[in-house]
Protein backbone atom coordinates (compact mmCIF):
# COMPACT_ATOMS: atom_id res chain seq x y z
CA UNK A 1 111.47 94.03 38.62
CA UNK A 2 107.68 94.10 38.83
CA UNK A 3 106.20 93.20 42.19
CA UNK A 4 102.97 91.23 41.89
CA UNK A 5 100.47 90.98 44.74
CA UNK A 6 97.59 88.56 45.20
CA UNK A 7 94.98 89.83 47.67
CA UNK A 8 92.74 87.05 48.99
CA UNK A 9 89.98 88.80 50.93
CA UNK A 10 86.23 88.11 51.11
CA UNK A 11 85.35 91.73 52.03
CA UNK A 12 85.08 93.16 48.51
CA UNK A 13 85.20 96.82 49.63
CA UNK A 14 88.31 96.30 51.77
CA UNK A 15 89.99 94.25 49.02
CA UNK A 16 89.28 96.97 46.44
CA UNK A 17 90.61 99.74 48.71
CA UNK A 18 93.75 97.74 49.55
CA UNK A 19 94.23 96.94 45.86
CA UNK A 20 94.11 100.63 44.92
CA UNK A 21 96.53 101.55 47.71
CA UNK A 22 99.01 98.82 46.76
CA UNK A 23 98.88 99.78 43.07
CA UNK A 24 99.90 103.30 44.14
CA UNK A 25 102.84 101.68 45.97
CA UNK A 26 104.08 99.98 42.81
CA UNK A 27 102.40 96.55 42.82
CA UNK A 28 100.56 94.81 40.03
CA UNK A 29 97.50 93.40 41.84
CA UNK A 30 95.10 90.47 41.41
CA UNK A 31 92.09 89.88 43.66
CA UNK A 32 90.46 86.67 44.86
CA UNK A 33 87.55 86.40 47.29
CA UNK A 34 87.75 82.70 48.21
CA UNK A 35 90.20 79.79 48.21
CA UNK A 36 89.23 78.44 44.78
CA UNK A 37 89.63 81.86 43.15
CA UNK A 38 92.97 82.27 44.98
CA UNK A 39 94.24 79.01 43.50
CA UNK A 40 93.20 80.02 39.99
CA UNK A 41 94.69 83.50 40.37
CA UNK A 42 97.97 82.11 41.75
CA UNK A 43 98.32 79.82 38.73
CA UNK A 44 97.54 82.56 36.22
CA UNK A 45 99.26 85.47 37.97
CA UNK A 46 102.31 83.91 39.78
CA UNK A 47 102.40 86.47 42.62
CA UNK A 48 105.64 87.55 44.30
CA UNK A 49 103.63 88.65 47.36
CA UNK A 50 100.24 87.78 48.86
CA UNK A 51 97.88 89.14 51.50
CA UNK A 52 95.53 86.42 52.76
CA UNK A 53 92.50 86.93 55.00
CA UNK A 54 92.25 84.19 57.61
CA UNK A 55 88.46 83.82 57.49
CA UNK A 56 87.26 83.07 53.99
CA UNK A 57 83.98 81.55 52.82
CA UNK A 58 84.37 77.77 52.81
CA UNK A 59 88.10 77.10 53.25
CA UNK A 60 90.30 78.69 55.90
CA UNK A 61 92.87 81.24 54.82
CA UNK A 62 95.45 78.87 56.35
CA UNK A 63 94.77 76.43 53.51
CA UNK A 64 95.43 79.24 51.03
CA UNK A 65 98.72 80.00 52.83
CA UNK A 66 99.72 76.32 52.55
CA UNK A 67 98.79 76.27 48.84
CA UNK A 68 100.78 79.45 48.13
CA UNK A 69 103.89 78.35 50.04
CA UNK A 70 103.93 75.11 48.02
CA UNK A 71 104.45 77.18 44.85
CA UNK A 72 107.94 77.65 43.41
CA UNK A 73 108.96 80.33 44.03
CA UNK A 74 106.71 80.87 47.05
CA UNK A 75 105.38 84.40 47.47
CA UNK A 76 106.01 86.47 50.59
CA UNK A 77 102.72 86.08 52.49
CA UNK A 78 101.04 88.28 55.09
CA UNK A 79 97.99 86.91 56.88
CA UNK A 80 95.47 89.62 57.71
CA UNK A 81 92.57 88.93 60.05
CA UNK A 82 89.94 90.46 62.26
CA UNK A 83 90.01 87.31 64.41
CA UNK A 84 93.57 87.31 65.67
CA UNK A 85 94.57 84.54 68.03
CA UNK A 86 97.89 83.14 69.14
CA UNK A 87 97.07 79.69 67.75
CA UNK A 88 96.27 80.92 64.25
CA UNK A 89 99.27 83.29 64.23
CA UNK A 90 101.62 80.44 65.11
CA UNK A 91 100.07 78.14 62.53
CA UNK A 92 100.20 80.80 59.79
CA UNK A 93 103.92 81.35 60.41
CA UNK A 94 104.56 77.58 60.58
CA UNK A 95 102.86 77.25 57.19
CA UNK A 96 105.15 79.90 55.73
CA UNK A 97 103.50 83.29 56.23
CA UNK A 98 106.01 86.08 56.65
CA UNK A 99 103.82 88.11 58.98
CA UNK A 100 100.43 88.17 60.68
CA UNK A 101 98.46 91.40 61.08
CA UNK A 102 95.25 92.05 62.97
CA UNK A 103 92.62 94.20 61.28
CA UNK A 104 92.23 97.07 61.05
CA UNK A 105 95.59 97.48 59.29
CA UNK A 106 96.33 100.22 56.80
CA UNK A 107 98.19 99.87 53.49
CA UNK A 108 101.48 101.14 54.97
CA UNK A 109 101.38 98.45 57.70
CA UNK A 110 100.62 95.78 55.09
CA UNK A 111 103.45 97.04 52.86
CA UNK A 112 105.94 97.06 55.74
CA UNK A 113 104.94 93.49 56.66
CA UNK A 114 105.22 92.31 53.03
CA UNK A 115 108.68 93.79 52.59
CA UNK A 116 110.16 92.82 55.95
CA UNK A 117 112.67 90.06 55.26
CA UNK A 118 113.98 89.38 58.74
CA UNK A 119 112.22 88.86 62.07
CA UNK A 120 112.43 91.78 64.48
CA UNK A 121 113.52 90.69 67.98
CA UNK A 122 113.37 94.34 69.09
CA UNK A 123 109.64 94.56 68.35
CA UNK A 124 107.89 96.29 71.25
CA UNK A 125 105.58 94.12 73.32
CA UNK A 126 102.56 95.85 74.76
CA UNK A 127 102.69 95.79 78.55
CA UNK A 128 98.90 95.84 78.69
CA UNK A 129 96.36 93.28 77.50
CA UNK A 130 93.59 94.31 75.12
CA UNK A 131 90.99 96.55 76.69
CA UNK A 132 87.60 95.10 77.52
CA UNK A 133 86.06 97.49 74.97
CA UNK A 134 88.38 96.20 72.24
CA UNK A 135 87.71 92.55 73.12
CA UNK A 136 83.97 93.25 73.03
CA UNK A 137 84.31 94.95 69.62
CA UNK A 138 86.30 92.03 68.20
CA UNK A 139 83.80 89.49 69.56
CA UNK A 140 80.87 91.41 68.06
CA UNK A 141 82.66 91.51 64.68
CA UNK A 142 83.30 87.77 64.83
CA UNK A 143 79.66 86.93 65.62
CA UNK A 144 78.42 89.42 63.01
CA UNK A 145 80.59 87.73 60.37
CA UNK A 146 79.34 84.28 61.44
CA UNK A 147 75.79 85.53 60.79
CA UNK A 148 76.67 87.00 57.37
CA UNK A 149 76.18 90.59 58.56
CA UNK A 150 72.61 89.96 59.77
CA UNK A 151 72.14 92.39 62.69
CA UNK A 152 69.04 90.68 64.10
CA UNK A 153 70.60 87.21 64.09
CA UNK A 154 73.80 88.61 65.62
CA UNK A 155 71.84 90.38 68.36
CA UNK A 156 70.01 87.15 69.20
CA UNK A 157 73.29 85.20 69.32
CA UNK A 158 74.83 87.83 71.61
CA UNK A 159 71.65 87.98 73.73
CA UNK A 160 71.58 91.73 73.10
CA UNK A 161 68.80 94.06 71.96
CA UNK A 162 69.09 94.79 68.24
CA UNK A 163 69.11 98.59 68.73
CA UNK A 164 71.90 98.32 71.32
CA UNK A 165 73.96 96.31 68.85
CA UNK A 166 73.29 98.84 66.10
CA UNK A 167 74.52 101.68 68.35
CA UNK A 168 77.71 99.74 69.18
CA UNK A 169 78.35 99.08 65.48
CA UNK A 170 77.96 102.77 64.59
CA UNK A 171 80.99 103.64 66.73
CA UNK A 172 84.58 103.29 65.53
CA UNK A 173 86.45 100.30 66.94
CA UNK A 174 88.30 101.08 70.17
CA UNK A 175 92.09 101.20 70.10
CA UNK A 176 93.75 97.78 70.42
CA UNK A 177 96.06 98.90 73.22
């Protein structure tokens, strides 16, 4: 049986890399970069699985999740986001998503989430909250995305010197734990 995957992601580079990785793992893949394209692709492609970014241009990824779960048969859906929050995780699962992953997530993590059929009550819970460095990184990414990648506008919104922001962005994101 052929597994078909719809990737709904506005970051074209990330979507392309994930598409290549999932093709190597045996999926037929279709890409969409916004909610309207996701709807058209779902109708033409009838995916068995879907990876949906939470923050899309225009519509929320949650609306895409709702649209996909209304299909018969509904695909197994994983919501992938750089803006993880408890509220959106709960809502994504209530709407029918199988799993919710925070970026950065690699193809193996996405695959495991897509193929996991049952909830895992033995899943380890981190005893520590996110580090301050990780929270800062995530906040910077959120504001940068809100300003369409414009470094100067992001620096003004964060009340930070532009060069300081550029230095922070050159570093790899800190570990989430």
